[in-house]
Amino acid sequence: MKKNKKKIFNIFLLIAITLLVLFLSLKDDFFNIIHLFSNINIFWVLVAIFLAFGYWFFKSIAMHKIIKNIKPDFPFMGVLKLTLKANFFHAVTPFASGGQPYEVYDMKKHGLTVTQGTNVSIQSFIVYQIALVILGIIAMVSNYYFHIFKSVEFLKQLVLIGFTINSAIVIILFLVSFNSRVNKFFTKIIIGWCYGLRIIKNKQKTIEKWNNYVDTFHDGAKVLIANKKEFLFTILLNFIGLLAVYLVPLAGAYSLGIYGINGFTSIIACAYVMVIGSFVPIPGGTGGLEYAFIQFFGNFVGGPELKALMLLWRFITYYFAMILGAIVLNIKEKR
């Protein structure tokens, strides 16, 4: 009951903030924005959608390579469907926290244990997060040397916070995945707290049980890091996928007849947007991502064109992904 109430609240919050963003975007330039959309070039819209699919496709290839180390016969289409379905849960939960638990649940239905599924999900997230941080570093270095964006102190602080959080996540995930001693140390402390609060009854038995999980988890992580070529390749696949989705605003701009953006500025601006949006505690980063997009792409585009581009970009990369994930989620698979 509590979980359902939480889901309803998240969806209500998402709808409310979405309506607020739409109102703020359309209230001053409604007719100009409608005019831009009425003359949109469908070819470039399809290119933008294709680039979004490219992101999901390369991300799925990376996850598939990790799963094959555990279950060699796991089909690629199963992973692609899983990626699309996880998009829905990423979209409707704060910090996109619902995607990984669903991935574990889905993989369990297809023959992996909970520990194996968690292993795959965490490793996939690690390589994705590394690719995200690398692109963030490239964006900051590029801006430092080429002065792409005007200096705004508030934005600089947001970028610093976002980059610090993303880098810390990578470090923590490495510790969790590749250092069993750290895992067991924190497991012992947490179980001790739970025992003190009378949440668990048998302290020693619970510690032994979780230590077995940690060992299994650690063994799986060692498989990933042992094959350095595959490890780097999965990072590269996520890197290419992120490049594809970072080019969505460029295709979107062309569809609206906007030519003040090039591929380089689109990638750098999106890298900044995602670094900031990753720590917005609202489903889909709604509100924060739109604000960041306006601030960074506002260096190249202005007026109703900027707002129209933001709305198109947000629909393709977020709402379309959520709708598609919901559709795939509700299609019954043939047994």
C-alpha atoms as a PDB file:
ATOM      1  CA  MET A   1       0.000   0.000   0.000  1.00  0.00           C
ATOM      2  CA  LYS A   2       2.803   2.404   0.939  1.00  0.00           C
ATOM      3  CA  LYS A   3       4.690   1.524  -2.262  1.00  0.00           C
ATOM      4  CA  ASN A   4       1.592   2.271  -4.372  1.00  0.00           C
ATOM      5  CA  LYS A   5       1.120   5.612  -2.617  1.00  0.00           C
ATOM      6  CA  LYS A   6       4.766   6.446  -3.271  1.00  0.00           C
ATOM      7  CA  LYS A   7       4.416   5.551  -6.970  1.00  0.00           C
ATOM      8  CA  ILE A   8       1.255   7.663  -7.265  1.00  0.00           C
ATOM      9  CA  PHE A   9       3.012  10.569  -5.552  1.00  0.00           C
ATOM     10  CA  ASN A  10       6.028  10.301  -7.895  1.00  0.00           C
ATOM     11  CA  ILE A  11       3.797  10.254 -10.973  1.00  0.00           C
ATOM     12  CA  PHE A  12       1.709  13.160  -9.648  1.00  0.00           C
ATOM     13  CA  LEU A  13       4.881  15.139  -8.911  1.00  0.00           C
ATOM     14  CA  LEU A  14       6.223  14.374 -12.395  1.00  0.00           C
ATOM     15  CA  ILE A  15       2.979  15.533 -14.059  1.00  0.00           C
ATOM     16  CA  ALA A  16       2.788  18.678 -11.918  1.00  0.00           C
ATOM     17  CA  ILE A  17       6.367  19.760 -12.652  1.00  0.00           C
ATOM     18  CA  THR A  18       5.973  18.878 -16.337  1.00  0.00           C
ATOM     19  CA  LEU A  19       2.891  21.101 -16.573  1.00  0.00           C
ATOM     20  CA  LEU A  20       4.770  23.877 -14.776  1.00  0.00           C
ATOM     21  CA  VAL A  21       7.698  23.596 -17.205  1.00  0.00           C
ATOM     22  CA  LEU A  22       5.292  23.652 -20.171  1.00  0.00           C
ATOM     23  CA  PHE A  23       3.520  26.707 -18.771  1.00  0.00           C
ATOM     24  CA  LEU A  24       6.772  28.612 -18.200  1.00  0.00           C
ATOM     25  CA  SER A  25       8.039  27.629 -21.662  1.00  0.00           C
ATOM     26  CA  LEU A  26       4.868  28.515 -23.571  1.00  0.00           C
ATOM     27  CA  LYS A  27       3.382  31.448 -21.679  1.00  0.00           C
ATOM     28  CA  ASP A  28       5.332  34.184 -23.492  1.00  0.00           C
ATOM     29  CA  ASP A  29       5.955  32.574 -26.886  1.00  0.00           C
ATOM     30  CA  PHE A  30       3.024  30.205 -27.361  1.00  0.00           C
ATOM     31  CA  PHE A  31       2.147  31.118 -30.963  1.00  0.00           C
ATOM     32  CA  ASN A  32       5.784  31.379 -32.082  1.00  0.00           C
ATOM     33  CA  ILE A  33       6.567  27.956 -30.631  1.00  0.00           C
ATOM     34  CA  ILE A  34       3.449  26.436 -32.205  1.00  0.00           C
ATOM     35  CA  HIS A  35       4.487  27.976 -35.537  1.00  0.00           C
ATOM     36  CA  LEU A  36       7.928  26.392 -35.247  1.00  0.00           C
ATOM     37  CA  PHE A  37       6.434  22.963 -34.537  1.00  0.00           C
ATOM     38  CA  SER A  38       3.888  23.302 -37.365  1.00  0.00           C
ATOM     39  CA  ASN A  39       6.778  23.729 -39.832  1.00  0.00           C
ATOM     40  CA  ILE A  40       9.015  21.034 -38.347  1.00  0.00           C
ATOM     41  CA  ASN A  41      11.184  18.902 -40.645  1.00  0.00           C
ATOM     42  CA  ILE A  42      10.110  15.306 -39.954  1.00  0.00           C
ATOM     43  CA  PHE A  43      13.311  13.849 -41.438  1.00  0.00           C
ATOM     44  CA  TRP A  44      15.457  15.465 -38.759  1.00  0.00           C
ATOM     45  CA  VAL A  45      12.988  14.455 -36.048  1.00  0.00           C
ATOM     46  CA  LEU A  46      13.424  10.844 -37.188  1.00  0.00           C
ATOM     47  CA  VAL A  47      17.206  11.336 -37.102  1.00  0.00           C
ATOM     48  CA  ALA A  48      16.896  12.567 -33.502  1.00  0.00           C
ATOM     49  CA  ILE A  49      14.806   9.509 -32.578  1.00  0.00           C
ATOM     50  CA  PHE A  50      17.343   7.274 -34.344  1.00  0.00           C
ATOM     51  CA  LEU A  51      20.133   8.820 -32.240  1.00  0.00           C
ATOM     52  CA  ALA A  52      18.125   8.159 -29.061  1.00  0.00           C
ATOM     53  CA  PHE A  53      17.724   4.532 -30.177  1.00  0.00           C
ATOM     54  CA  GLY A  54      21.484   4.460 -30.757  1.00  0.00           C
ATOM     55  CA  TYR A  55      22.012   5.297 -27.102  1.00  0.00           C
ATOM     56  CA  TRP A  56      19.770   2.435 -25.948  1.00  0.00           C
ATOM     57  CA  PHE A  57      21.306   0.079 -28.528  1.00  0.00           C
ATOM     58  CA  PHE A  58      24.945   0.638 -27.511  1.00  0.00           C
ATOM     59  CA  LYS A  59      24.028   0.540 -23.832  1.00  0.00           C
ATOM     60  CA  SER A  60      22.328  -2.819 -24.452  1.00  0.00           C
ATOM     61  CA  ILE A  61      25.371  -4.220 -26.268  1.00  0.00           C
ATOM     62  CA  ALA A  62      27.529  -3.318 -23.259  1.00  0.00           C
ATOM     63  CA  MET A  63      25.138  -5.003 -20.811  1.00  0.00           C
ATOM     64  CA  HIS A  64      24.841  -8.049 -23.072  1.00  0.00           C
ATOM     65  CA  LYS A  65      28.605  -8.560 -23.046  1.00  0.00           C
ATOM     66  CA  ILE A  66      28.557  -8.490 -19.231  1.00  0.00           C
ATOM     67  CA  ILE A  67      25.605 -10.912 -18.989  1.00  0.00           C
ATOM     68  CA  LYS A  68      27.295 -13.361 -21.401  1.00  0.00           C
ATOM     69  CA  ASN A  69      30.060 -13.894 -18.831  1.00  0.00           C
ATOM     70  CA  ILE A  70      27.393 -15.397 -16.559  1.00  0.00           C
ATOM     71  CA  LYS A  71      24.784 -16.753 -18.981  1.00  0.00           C
ATOM     72  CA  PRO A  72      26.273 -17.168 -22.502  1.00  0.00           C
ATOM     73  CA  ASP A  73      22.925 -18.015 -24.129  1.00  0.00           C
ATOM     74  CA  PHE A  74      21.130 -14.873 -22.930  1.00  0.00           C
ATOM     75  CA  PRO A  75      19.676 -13.289 -26.134  1.00  0.00           C
ATOM     76  CA  PHE A  76      20.588  -9.746 -27.156  1.00  0.00           C
ATOM     77  CA  MET A  77      16.947  -8.882 -27.876  1.00  0.00           C
ATOM     78  CA  GLY A  78      16.166  -9.781 -24.284  1.00  0.00           C
ATOM     79  CA  VAL A  79      18.740  -7.227 -23.103  1.00  0.00           C
ATOM     80  CA  LEU A  80      17.448  -4.565 -25.514  1.00  0.00           C
ATOM     81  CA  LYS A  81      13.892  -5.083 -24.233  1.00  0.00           C
ATOM     82  CA  LEU A  82      15.220  -4.941 -20.675  1.00  0.00           C
ATOM     83  CA  THR A  83      16.944  -1.604 -21.395  1.00  0.00           C
ATOM     84  CA  LEU A  84      13.739  -0.142 -22.833  1.00  0.00           C
ATOM     85  CA  LYS A  85      11.632  -1.415 -19.917  1.00  0.00           C
ATOM     86  CA  ALA A  86      14.135  -0.125 -17.358  1.00  0.00           C
ATOM     87  CA  ASN A  87      13.801   3.319 -18.999  1.00  0.00           C
ATOM     88  CA  PHE A  88      10.248   3.502 -17.672  1.00  0.00           C
ATOM     89  CA  PHE A  89      11.345   2.831 -14.092  1.00  0.00           C
ATOM     90  CA  HIS A  90      14.296   5.204 -14.432  1.00  0.00           C
ATOM     91  CA  ALA A  91      11.850   7.869 -15.604  1.00  0.00           C
ATOM     92  CA  VAL A  92       9.271   7.648 -12.820  1.00  0.00           C
ATOM     93  CA  THR A  93      11.562   7.349  -9.779  1.00  0.00           C
ATOM     94  CA  PRO A  94      13.763   9.977  -8.050  1.00  0.00           C
ATOM     95  CA  PHE A  95      17.449   9.807  -9.060  1.00  0.00           C
ATOM     96  CA  ALA A  96      16.373   7.171 -11.645  1.00  0.00           C
ATOM     97  CA  SER A  97      16.604   4.698  -8.747  1.00  0.00           C
ATOM     98  CA  GLY A  98      13.924   2.291  -9.972  1.00  0.00           C
ATOM     99  CA  GLY A  99      15.744   1.034 -13.055  1.00  0.00           C
ATOM    100  CA  GLN A 100      18.354  -1.192 -11.407  1.00  0.00           C
ATOM    101  CA  PRO A 101      15.922  -3.094  -9.113  1.00  0.00           C
ATOM    102  CA  TYR A 102      13.704  -3.789 -12.119  1.00  0.00           C
ATOM    103  CA  GLU A 103      16.704  -5.041 -14.113  1.00  0.00           C
ATOM    104  CA  VAL A 104      17.496  -7.518 -11.312  1.00  0.00           C
ATOM    105  CA  TYR A 105      13.854  -8.623 -11.164  1.00  0.00           C
ATOM    106  CA  ASP A 106      13.660  -9.087 -14.945  1.00  0.00           C
ATOM    107  CA  MET A 107      16.928 -11.020 -15.146  1.00  0.00           C
ATOM    108  CA  LYS A 108      15.740 -13.313 -12.336  1.00  0.00           C
ATOM    109  CA  LYS A 109      12.711 -14.185 -14.481  1.00  0.00           C
ATOM    110  CA  HIS A 110      15.129 -15.160 -17.262  1.00  0.00           C
ATOM    111  CA  GLY A 111      17.313 -17.528 -15.272  1.00  0.00           C
ATOM    112  CA  LEU A 112      19.835 -15.406 -13.364  1.00  0.00           C
ATOM    113  CA  THR A 113      19.980 -15.430  -9.571  1.00  0.00           C
ATOM    114  CA  VAL A 114      19.359 -12.217  -7.641  1.00  0.00           C
ATOM    115  CA  THR A 115      23.091 -11.978  -6.874  1.00  0.00           C
ATOM    116  CA  GLN A 116      24.030 -12.480 -10.535  1.00  0.00           C
ATOM    117  CA  GLY A 117      21.426  -9.966 -11.677  1.00  0.00           C
ATOM    118  CA  THR A 118      22.634  -7.416  -9.129  1.00  0.00           C
ATOM    119  CA  ASN A 119      26.183  -8.076 -10.283  1.00  0.00           C
ATOM    120  CA  VAL A 120      25.271  -7.389 -13.929  1.00  0.00           C
ATOM    121  CA  SER A 121      23.241  -4.299 -13.080  1.00  0.00           C
ATOM    122  CA  ILE A 122      25.973  -2.757 -10.923  1.00  0.00           C
ATOM    123  CA  GLN A 123      28.725  -3.519 -13.449  1.00  0.00           C
ATOM    124  CA  SER A 124      26.627  -2.030 -16.263  1.00  0.00           C
ATOM    125  CA  PHE A 125      26.084   1.069 -14.168  1.00  0.00           C
ATOM    126  CA  ILE A 126      29.821   1.310 -13.403  1.00  0.00           C
ATOM    127  CA  VAL A 127      30.880   1.339 -17.062  1.00  0.00           C
ATOM    128  CA  TYR A 128      28.066   3.792 -17.904  1.00  0.00           C
ATOM    129  CA  GLN A 129      29.052   6.080 -15.044  1.00  0.00           C
ATOM    130  CA  ILE A 130      32.718   6.014 -16.098  1.00  0.00           C
ATOM    131  CA  ALA A 131      31.736   7.008 -19.656  1.00  0.00           C
ATOM    132  CA  LEU A 132      29.548   9.812 -18.260  1.00  0.00           C
ATOM    133  CA  VAL A 133      32.376  11.161 -16.095  1.00  0.00           C
ATOM    134  CA  ILE A 134      34.889  10.970 -18.974  1.00  0.00           C
ATOM    135  CA  LEU A 135      32.567  13.017 -21.183  1.00  0.00           C
ATOM    136  CA  GLY A 136      32.070  15.449 -18.301  1.00  0.00           C
ATOM    137  CA  ILE A 137      35.851  15.876 -18.007  1.00  0.00           C
ATOM    138  CA  ILE A 138      36.167  16.405 -21.779  1.00  0.00           C
ATOM    139  CA  ALA A 139      33.401  19.036 -21.613  1.00  0.00           C
ATOM    140  CA  MET A 140      35.030  20.934 -18.751  1.00  0.00           C
ATOM    141  CA  VAL A 141      38.489  20.856 -20.345  1.00  0.00           C
ATOM    142  CA  SER A 142      37.021  21.998 -23.683  1.00  0.00           C
ATOM    143  CA  ASN A 143      35.164  24.861 -22.032  1.00  0.00           C
ATOM    144  CA  TYR A 144      38.288  25.864 -20.094  1.00  0.00           C
ATOM    145  CA  TYR A 145      40.361  26.203 -23.279  1.00  0.00           C
ATOM    146  CA  PHE A 146      37.735  27.383 -25.770  1.00  0.00           C
ATOM    147  CA  HIS A 147      35.429  29.427 -23.472  1.00  0.00           C
ATOM    148  CA  ILE A 148      32.274  27.942 -25.008  1.00  0.00           C
ATOM    149  CA  PHE A 149      29.921  29.127 -22.252  1.00  0.00           C
ATOM    150  CA  LYS A 150      29.725  32.447 -20.466  1.00  0.00           C
ATOM    151  CA  SER A 151      30.835  32.244 -16.838  1.00  0.00           C
ATOM    152  CA  VAL A 152      27.916  32.120 -14.383  1.00  0.00           C
ATOM    153  CA  GLU A 153      28.932  31.458 -10.776  1.00  0.00           C
ATOM    154  CA  PHE A 154      25.748  29.572  -9.875  1.00  0.00           C
ATOM    155  CA  LEU A 155      26.109  27.240 -12.879  1.00  0.00           C
ATOM    156  CA  LYS A 156      29.791  26.667 -12.077  1.00  0.00           C
ATOM    157  CA  GLN A 157      28.797  25.558  -8.583  1.00  0.00           C
ATOM    158  CA  LEU A 158      26.091  23.233  -9.935  1.00  0.00           C
ATOM    159  CA  VAL A 159      28.534  21.658 -12.389  1.00  0.00           C
ATOM    160  CA  LEU A 160      31.113  21.190  -9.621  1.00  0.00           C
ATOM    161  CA  ILE A 161      28.538  19.537  -7.354  1.00  0.00           C
ATOM    162  CA  GLY A 162      27.294  17.289 -10.162  1.00  0.00           C
ATOM    163  CA  PHE A 163      30.780  16.267 -11.244  1.00  0.00           C
ATOM    164  CA  THR A 164      31.812  15.545  -7.635  1.00  0.00           C
ATOM    165  CA  ILE A 165      28.713  13.376  -7.052  1.00  0.00           C
ATOM    166  CA  ASN A 166      29.202  11.404 -10.283  1.00  0.00           C
ATOM    167  CA  SER A 167      32.909  10.852  -9.573  1.00  0.00           C
ATOM    168  CA  ALA A 168      32.135   9.760  -5.993  1.00  0.00           C
ATOM    169  CA  ILE A 169      29.562   7.267  -7.314  1.00  0.00           C
ATOM    170  CA  VAL A 170      32.216   5.690  -9.562  1.00  0.00           C
ATOM    171  CA  ILE A 171      34.664   5.366  -6.648  1.00  0.00           C
ATOM    172  CA  ILE A 172      32.021   3.889  -4.320  1.00  0.00           C
ATOM    173  CA  LEU A 173      30.881   1.411  -6.962  1.00  0.00           C
ATOM    174  CA  PHE A 174      34.473   0.301  -7.543  1.00  0.00           C
ATOM    175  CA  LEU A 175      34.911  -0.273  -3.811  1.00  0.00           C
ATOM    176  CA  VAL A 176      31.646  -2.192  -3.597  1.00  0.00           C
ATOM    177  CA  SER A 177      32.352  -4.274  -6.693  1.00  0.00           C
ATOM    178  CA  PHE A 178      36.040  -5.028  -6.427  1.00  0.00           C
ATOM    179  CA  ASN A 179      36.914  -4.949  -2.725  1.00  0.00           C
ATOM    180  CA  SER A 180      35.233  -7.734  -0.771  1.00  0.00           C
ATOM    181  CA  ARG A 181      36.875  -6.619   2.494  1.00  0.00           C
ATOM    182  CA  VAL A 182      35.217  -3.189   2.283  1.00  0.00           C
ATOM    183  CA  ASN A 183      31.921  -4.874   1.450  1.00  0.00           C
ATOM    184  CA  LYS A 184      32.147  -7.250   4.396  1.00  0.00           C
ATOM    185  CA  PHE A 185      33.223  -4.466   6.750  1.00  0.00           C
ATOM    186  CA  PHE A 186      30.176  -2.330   5.943  1.00  0.00           C
ATOM    187  CA  THR A 187      27.914  -5.399   5.877  1.00  0.00           C
ATOM    188  CA  LYS A 188      28.990  -6.254   9.423  1.00  0.00           C
ATOM    189  CA  ILE A 189      28.342  -2.698  10.638  1.00  0.00           C
ATOM    190  CA  ILE A 190      24.913  -2.459   8.973  1.00  0.00           C
ATOM    191  CA  ILE A 191      23.808  -5.883  10.222  1.00  0.00           C
ATOM    192  CA  GLY A 192      25.044  -4.912  13.713  1.00  0.00           C
ATOM    193  CA  TRP A 193      22.832  -1.815  13.613  1.00  0.00           C
ATOM    194  CA  CYS A 194      19.873  -3.867  12.387  1.00  0.00           C
ATOM    195  CA  TYR A 195      20.449  -6.408  15.170  1.00  0.00           C
ATOM    196  CA  GLY A 196      20.592  -3.604  17.751  1.00  0.00           C
ATOM    197  CA  LEU A 197      17.283  -2.254  16.442  1.00  0.00           C
ATOM    198  CA  ARG A 198      15.840  -5.816  16.556  1.00  0.00           C
ATOM    199  CA  ILE A 199      15.180  -5.813  12.807  1.00  0.00           C
ATOM    200  CA  ILE A 200      17.007  -9.141  12.485  1.00  0.00           C
ATOM    201  CA  LYS A 201      17.077 -11.994  14.986  1.00  0.00           C
ATOM    202  CA  ASN A 202      20.188 -14.073  14.188  1.00  0.00           C
ATOM    203  CA  LYS A 203      23.129 -11.715  13.746  1.00  0.00           C
ATOM    204  CA  GLN A 204      25.853 -14.269  12.937  1.00  0.00           C
ATOM    205  CA  LYS A 205      23.728 -16.271  10.494  1.00  0.00           C
ATOM    206  CA  THR A 206      22.764 -13.082   8.646  1.00  0.00           C
ATOM    207  CA  ILE A 207      26.414 -11.960   8.447  1.00  0.00           C
ATOM    208  CA  GLU A 208      27.441 -15.346   7.000  1.00  0.00           C
ATOM    209  CA  LYS A 209      24.599 -15.222   4.482  1.00  0.00           C
ATOM    210  CA  TRP A 210      25.540 -11.746   3.270  1.00  0.00           C
ATOM    211  CA  ASN A 211      29.251 -12.585   3.211  1.00  0.00           C
ATOM    212  CA  ASN A 212      28.395 -15.383   0.766  1.00  0.00           C
ATOM    213  CA  TYR A 213      26.521 -12.840  -1.375  1.00  0.00           C
ATOM    214  CA  VAL A 214      29.543 -10.527  -1.225  1.00  0.00           C
ATOM    215  CA  ASP A 215      31.917 -13.311  -2.305  1.00  0.00           C
ATOM    216  CA  THR A 216      29.686 -14.219  -5.252  1.00  0.00           C
ATOM    217  CA  PHE A 217      29.335 -10.562  -6.176  1.00  0.00           C
ATOM    218  CA  HIS A 218      33.082  -9.996  -5.896  1.00  0.00           C
ATOM    219  CA  ASP A 219      33.869 -13.062  -8.046  1.00  0.00           C
ATOM    220  CA  GLY A 220      31.588 -11.748 -10.788  1.00  0.00           C
ATOM    221  CA  ALA A 221      33.208  -8.313 -10.628  1.00  0.00           C
ATOM    222  CA  LYS A 222      36.654  -9.884 -10.967  1.00  0.00           C
ATOM    223  CA  VAL A 223      35.511 -11.514 -14.219  1.00  0.00           C
ATOM    224  CA  LEU A 224      34.765  -8.065 -15.631  1.00  0.00           C
ATOM    225  CA  ILE A 225      38.022  -6.430 -14.519  1.00  0.00           C
ATOM    226  CA  ALA A 226      40.145  -9.486 -15.424  1.00  0.00           C
ATOM    227  CA  ASN A 227      39.290  -9.032 -19.091  1.00  0.00           C
ATOM    228  CA  LYS A 228      40.611  -5.493 -19.465  1.00  0.00           C
ATOM    229  CA  LYS A 229      39.814  -5.319 -23.171  1.00  0.00           C
ATOM    230  CA  GLU A 230      36.175  -6.187 -22.554  1.00  0.00           C
ATOM    231  CA  PHE A 231      36.016  -3.781 -19.609  1.00  0.00           C
ATOM    232  CA  LEU A 232      37.340  -0.914 -21.740  1.00  0.00           C
ATOM    233  CA  PHE A 233      35.143  -1.980 -24.655  1.00  0.00           C
ATOM    234  CA  THR A 234      31.975  -1.766 -22.529  1.00  0.00           C
ATOM    235  CA  ILE A 235      33.029   1.739 -21.430  1.00  0.00           C
ATOM    236  CA  LEU A 236      33.600   2.648 -25.087  1.00  0.00           C
ATOM    237  CA  LEU A 237      30.148   1.331 -26.044  1.00  0.00           C
ATOM    238  CA  ASN A 238      28.520   3.502 -23.381  1.00  0.00           C
ATOM    239  CA  PHE A 239      30.688   6.436 -24.497  1.00  0.00           C
ATOM    240  CA  ILE A 240      29.444   6.045 -28.101  1.00  0.00           C
ATOM    241  CA  GLY A 241      25.861   5.717 -26.858  1.00  0.00           C
ATOM    242  CA  LEU A 242      26.170   8.942 -24.867  1.00  0.00           C
ATOM    243  CA  LEU A 243      27.669  10.723 -27.895  1.00  0.00           C
ATOM    244  CA  ALA A 244      24.622   9.634 -29.909  1.00  0.00           C
ATOM    245  CA  VAL A 245      22.094  10.953 -27.387  1.00  0.00           C
ATOM    246  CA  TYR A 246      24.135  14.154 -26.927  1.00  0.00           C
ATOM    247  CA  LEU A 247      23.634  14.826 -30.648  1.00  0.00           C
ATOM    248  CA  VAL A 248      19.831  14.719 -30.329  1.00  0.00           C
ATOM    249  CA  PRO A 249      19.652  18.533 -29.791  1.00  0.00           C
ATOM    250  CA  LEU A 250      21.626  19.062 -33.022  1.00  0.00           C
ATOM    251  CA  ALA A 251      19.150  16.998 -35.067  1.00  0.00           C
ATOM    252  CA  GLY A 252      16.298  18.654 -33.186  1.00  0.00           C
ATOM    253  CA  ALA A 253      17.687  22.097 -34.032  1.00  0.00           C
ATOM    254  CA  TYR A 254      17.900  21.221 -37.724  1.00  0.00           C
ATOM    255  CA  SER A 255      14.294  19.987 -37.631  1.00  0.00           C
ATOM    256  CA  LEU A 256      13.205  23.412 -36.362  1.00  0.00           C
ATOM    257  CA  GLY A 257      15.340  25.333 -38.861  1.00  0.00           C
ATOM    258  CA  ILE A 258      17.926  26.354 -36.245  1.00  0.00           C
ATOM    259  CA  TYR A 259      21.548  26.344 -37.408  1.00  0.00           C
ATOM    260  CA  GLY A 260      23.431  28.041 -34.563  1.00  0.00           C
ATOM    261  CA  ILE A 261      24.582  24.712 -33.093  1.00  0.00           C
ATOM    262  CA  ASN A 262      27.200  22.258 -34.337  1.00  0.00           C
ATOM    263  CA  GLY A 263      28.014  18.702 -33.279  1.00  0.00           C
ATOM    264  CA  PHE A 264      30.809  19.725 -30.905  1.00  0.00           C
ATOM    265  CA  THR A 265      28.771  22.349 -29.020  1.00  0.00           C
ATOM    266  CA  SER A 266      25.788  19.985 -28.822  1.00  0.00           C
ATOM    267  CA  ILE A 267      27.917  17.260 -27.185  1.00  0.00           C
ATOM    268  CA  ILE A 268      29.671  19.640 -24.766  1.00  0.00           C
ATOM    269  CA  ALA A 269      26.432  21.383 -23.733  1.00  0.00           C
ATOM    270  CA  CYS A 270      24.630  18.058 -23.189  1.00  0.00           C
ATOM    271  CA  ALA A 271      27.538  16.744 -21.113  1.00  0.00           C
ATOM    272  CA  TYR A 272      27.131  19.750 -18.808  1.00  0.00           C
ATOM    273  CA  VAL A 273      23.345  19.320 -18.719  1.00  0.00           C
ATOM    274  CA  MET A 274      23.620  15.656 -17.696  1.00  0.00           C
ATOM    275  CA  VAL A 275      26.245  16.362 -15.028  1.00  0.00           C
ATOM    276  CA  ILE A 276      23.846  18.836 -13.386  1.00  0.00           C
ATOM    277  CA  GLY A 277      20.683  16.791 -13.969  1.00  0.00           C
ATOM    278  CA  SER A 278      22.064  13.649 -12.356  1.00  0.00           C
ATOM    279  CA  PHE A 279      21.583  14.973  -8.813  1.00  0.00           C
ATOM    280  CA  VAL A 280      18.106  16.525  -9.190  1.00  0.00           C
ATOM    281  CA  PRO A 281      15.939  14.489  -6.717  1.00  0.00           C
ATOM    282  CA  ILE A 282      12.785  14.514  -8.868  1.00  0.00           C
ATOM    283  CA  PRO A 283      11.661  11.765 -11.292  1.00  0.00           C
ATOM    284  CA  GLY A 284      13.504  12.280 -14.558  1.00  0.00           C
ATOM    285  CA  GLY A 285      15.387  15.250 -13.119  1.00  0.00           C
ATOM    286  CA  THR A 286      12.353  17.250 -14.272  1.00  0.00           C
ATOM    287  CA  GLY A 287      12.818  20.953 -13.822  1.00  0.00           C
ATOM    288  CA  GLY A 288      16.574  20.736 -13.287  1.00  0.00           C
ATOM    289  CA  LEU A 289      17.377  19.296 -16.711  1.00  0.00           C
ATOM    290  CA  GLU A 290      15.148  21.828 -18.491  1.00  0.00           C
ATOM    291  CA  TYR A 291      16.794  24.680 -16.577  1.00  0.00           C
ATOM    292  CA  ALA A 292      20.289  23.406 -17.378  1.00  0.00           C
ATOM    293  CA  PHE A 293      19.390  22.942 -21.069  1.00  0.00           C
ATOM    294  CA  ILE A 294      18.090  26.515 -21.342  1.00  0.00           C
ATOM    295  CA  GLN A 295      21.189  27.893 -19.608  1.00  0.00           C
ATOM    296  CA  PHE A 296      23.791  26.064 -21.689  1.00  0.00           C
ATOM    297  CA  PHE A 297      22.103  25.972 -25.098  1.00  0.00           C
ATOM    298  CA  GLY A 298      21.049  29.580 -24.533  1.00  0.00           C
ATOM    299  CA  ASN A 299      24.630  30.464 -25.479  1.00  0.00           C
ATOM    300  CA  PHE A 300      23.843  29.480 -29.090  1.00  0.00           C
ATOM    301  CA  VAL A 301      20.055  29.844 -29.492  1.00  0.00           C
ATOM    302  CA  GLY A 302      17.544  32.298 -28.052  1.00  0.00           C
ATOM    303  CA  GLY A 303      13.887  33.245 -27.885  1.00  0.00           C
ATOM    304  CA  PRO A 304      11.090  30.830 -28.857  1.00  0.00           C
ATOM    305  CA  GLU A 305      13.563  28.695 -30.848  1.00  0.00           C
ATOM    306  CA  LEU A 306      15.425  27.786 -27.650  1.00  0.00           C
ATOM    307  CA  LYS A 307      12.222  26.836 -25.809  1.00  0.00           C
ATOM    308  CA  ALA A 308      10.914  24.824 -28.757  1.00  0.00           C
ATOM    309  CA  LEU A 309      14.248  22.974 -29.009  1.00  0.00           C
ATOM    310  CA  MET A 310      14.211  22.216 -25.276  1.00  0.00           C
ATOM    311  CA  LEU A 311      10.669  20.807 -25.471  1.00  0.00           C
ATOM    312  CA  LEU A 312      11.519  18.635 -28.483  1.00  0.00           C
ATOM    313  CA  TRP A 313      14.749  17.365 -26.900  1.00  0.00           C
ATOM    314  CA  ARG A 314      12.985  16.592 -23.630  1.00  0.00           C
ATOM    315  CA  PHE A 315      10.162  14.728 -25.351  1.00  0.00           C
ATOM    316  CA  ILE A 316      12.487  12.500 -27.402  1.00  0.00           C
ATOM    317  CA  THR A 317      15.025  11.717 -24.671  1.00  0.00           C
ATOM    318  CA  TYR A 318      12.625  11.399 -21.741  1.00  0.00           C
ATOM    319  CA  TYR A 319       8.880  11.195 -22.419  1.00  0.00           C
ATOM    320  CA  PHE A 320       9.209   9.142 -25.616  1.00  0.00           C
ATOM    321  CA  ALA A 321      11.617   6.782 -23.810  1.00  0.00           C
ATOM    322  CA  MET A 322       9.173   6.465 -20.909  1.00  0.00           C
ATOM    323  CA  ILE A 323       6.207   5.786 -23.217  1.00  0.00           C
ATOM    324  CA  LEU A 324       8.176   3.244 -25.250  1.00  0.00           C
ATOM    325  CA  GLY A 325       9.329   1.515 -22.075  1.00  0.00           C
ATOM    326  CA  ALA A 326       5.739   1.304 -20.822  1.00  0.00           C
ATOM    327  CA  ILE A 327       4.624  -0.221 -24.138  1.00  0.00           C
ATOM    328  CA  VAL A 328       7.387  -2.857 -24.141  1.00  0.00           C
ATOM    329  CA  LEU A 329       6.682  -3.549 -20.467  1.00  0.00           C
ATOM    330  CA  ASN A 330       3.066  -4.366 -21.224  1.00  0.00           C
ATOM    331  CA  ILE A 331       3.691  -6.566 -24.264  1.00  0.00           C
ATOM    332  CA  LYS A 332       3.394 -10.206 -23.183  1.00  0.00           C
ATOM    333  CA  GLU A 333       6.379 -12.256 -24.250  1.00  0.00           C
ATOM    334  CA  LYS A 334       5.815 -15.572 -26.003  1.00  0.00           C
ATOM    335  CA  ARG A 335       6.770 -18.408 -23.699  1.00  0.00           C
END
